Amino acid sequence: MHPDASARQFAERDLAAFLLNALQHEHPEWVQADGDCPSCRDYAAKLQTILPQQSPT
């Protein structure tokens, strides 16, 4: 695996975690009693699809 690809995978995981955390903080009413937040996951997934996609060079 290209070193940039590995760094990108870590960055994408960090971004996903950041988005989920931010959405849960902004919309606590979306968080279920067990801590799950389907709406947060859906929004985070949508946001990731609209962010620029770049291939490692």
C-alpha atoms as a PDB file:
ATOM      1  CA  MET A   1       0.000   0.000   0.000  1.00  0.00           C
ATOM      2  CA  HIS A   2       1.248   3.462  -0.882  1.00  0.00           C
ATOM      3  CA  PRO A   3       2.142   5.501   2.249  1.00  0.00           C
ATOM      4  CA  ASP A   4      -0.201   8.297   1.165  1.00  0.00           C
ATOM      5  CA  ALA A   5      -3.061   5.798   0.879  1.00  0.00           C
ATOM      6  CA  SER A   6      -2.500   4.672   4.466  1.00  0.00           C
ATOM      7  CA  ALA A   7      -2.452   8.275   5.704  1.00  0.00           C
ATOM      8  CA  ARG A   8      -5.601   8.969   3.726  1.00  0.00           C
ATOM      9  CA  GLN A   9      -7.391   6.006   5.315  1.00  0.00           C
ATOM     10  CA  PHE A  10      -6.494   7.305   8.782  1.00  0.00           C
ATOM     11  CA  ALA A  11      -7.650  10.798   7.822  1.00  0.00           C
ATOM     12  CA  GLU A  12     -10.948   9.467   6.497  1.00  0.00           C
ATOM     13  CA  ARG A  13     -11.557   7.531   9.725  1.00  0.00           C
ATOM     14  CA  ASP A  14     -10.704  10.628  11.766  1.00  0.00           C
ATOM     15  CA  LEU A  15     -13.052  12.724   9.642  1.00  0.00           C
ATOM     16  CA  ALA A  16     -15.882  10.209  10.043  1.00  0.00           C
ATOM     17  CA  ALA A  17     -15.406  10.163  13.819  1.00  0.00           C
ATOM     18  CA  PHE A  18     -15.273  13.969  13.922  1.00  0.00           C
ATOM     19  CA  LEU A  19     -18.464  14.290  11.874  1.00  0.00           C
ATOM     20  CA  LEU A  20     -20.340  11.784  14.036  1.00  0.00           C
ATOM     21  CA  ASN A  21     -19.205  13.499  17.220  1.00  0.00           C
ATOM     22  CA  ALA A  22     -20.127  16.956  15.921  1.00  0.00           C
ATOM     23  CA  LEU A  23     -23.565  15.827  14.774  1.00  0.00           C
ATOM     24  CA  GLN A  24     -24.274  14.113  18.095  1.00  0.00           C
ATOM     25  CA  HIS A  25     -23.233  17.280  19.917  1.00  0.00           C
ATOM     26  CA  GLU A  26     -25.355  19.548  17.702  1.00  0.00           C
ATOM     27  CA  HIS A  27     -28.380  17.238  17.689  1.00  0.00           C
ATOM     28  CA  PRO A  28     -28.613  15.368  20.996  1.00  0.00           C
ATOM     29  CA  GLU A  29     -32.278  14.682  20.220  1.00  0.00           C
ATOM     30  CA  TRP A  30     -31.126  12.341  17.437  1.00  0.00           C
ATOM     31  CA  VAL A  31     -29.152  10.155  19.846  1.00  0.00           C
ATOM     32  CA  GLN A  32     -31.053   7.104  21.041  1.00  0.00           C
ATOM     33  CA  ALA A  33     -31.045   5.923  24.657  1.00  0.00           C
ATOM     34  CA  ASP A  34     -28.409   3.286  23.850  1.00  0.00           C
ATOM     35  CA  GLY A  35     -26.093   5.953  22.367  1.00  0.00           C
ATOM     36  CA  ASP A  36     -26.730   4.938  18.767  1.00  0.00           C
ATOM     37  CA  CYS A  37     -27.436   7.716  16.293  1.00  0.00           C
ATOM     38  CA  PRO A  38     -28.668   6.466  12.898  1.00  0.00           C
ATOM     39  CA  SER A  39     -29.424  10.011  11.714  1.00  0.00           C
ATOM     40  CA  CYS A  40     -25.888  11.088  12.617  1.00  0.00           C
ATOM     41  CA  ARG A  41     -24.406   8.168  10.676  1.00  0.00           C
ATOM     42  CA  ASP A  42     -26.594   8.975   7.664  1.00  0.00           C
ATOM     43  CA  TYR A  43     -25.600  12.648   7.649  1.00  0.00           C
ATOM     44  CA  ALA A  44     -21.912  11.844   8.146  1.00  0.00           C
ATOM     45  CA  ALA A  45     -22.022   9.383   5.236  1.00  0.00           C
ATOM     46  CA  LYS A  46     -23.692  11.995   3.009  1.00  0.00           C
ATOM     47  CA  LEU A  47     -21.114  14.622   3.959  1.00  0.00           C
ATOM     48  CA  GLN A  48     -18.262  12.283   3.131  1.00  0.00           C
ATOM     49  CA  THR A  49     -19.685  11.630  -0.336  1.00  0.00           C
ATOM     50  CA  ILE A  50     -19.727  15.345  -1.187  1.00  0.00           C
ATOM     51  CA  LEU A  51     -16.172  16.010  -0.011  1.00  0.00           C
ATOM     52  CA  PRO A  52     -13.549  16.031  -2.761  1.00  0.00           C
ATOM     53  CA  GLN A  53     -12.268  12.574  -3.585  1.00  0.00           C
ATOM     54  CA  GLN A  54      -8.594  12.386  -4.507  1.00  0.00           C
ATOM     55  CA  SER A  55      -6.480   9.416  -5.518  1.00  0.00           C
ATOM     56  CA  PRO A  56      -3.044   9.043  -3.973  1.00  0.00           C
ATOM     57  CA  THR A  57      -0.279   9.904  -6.435  1.00  0.00           C
END
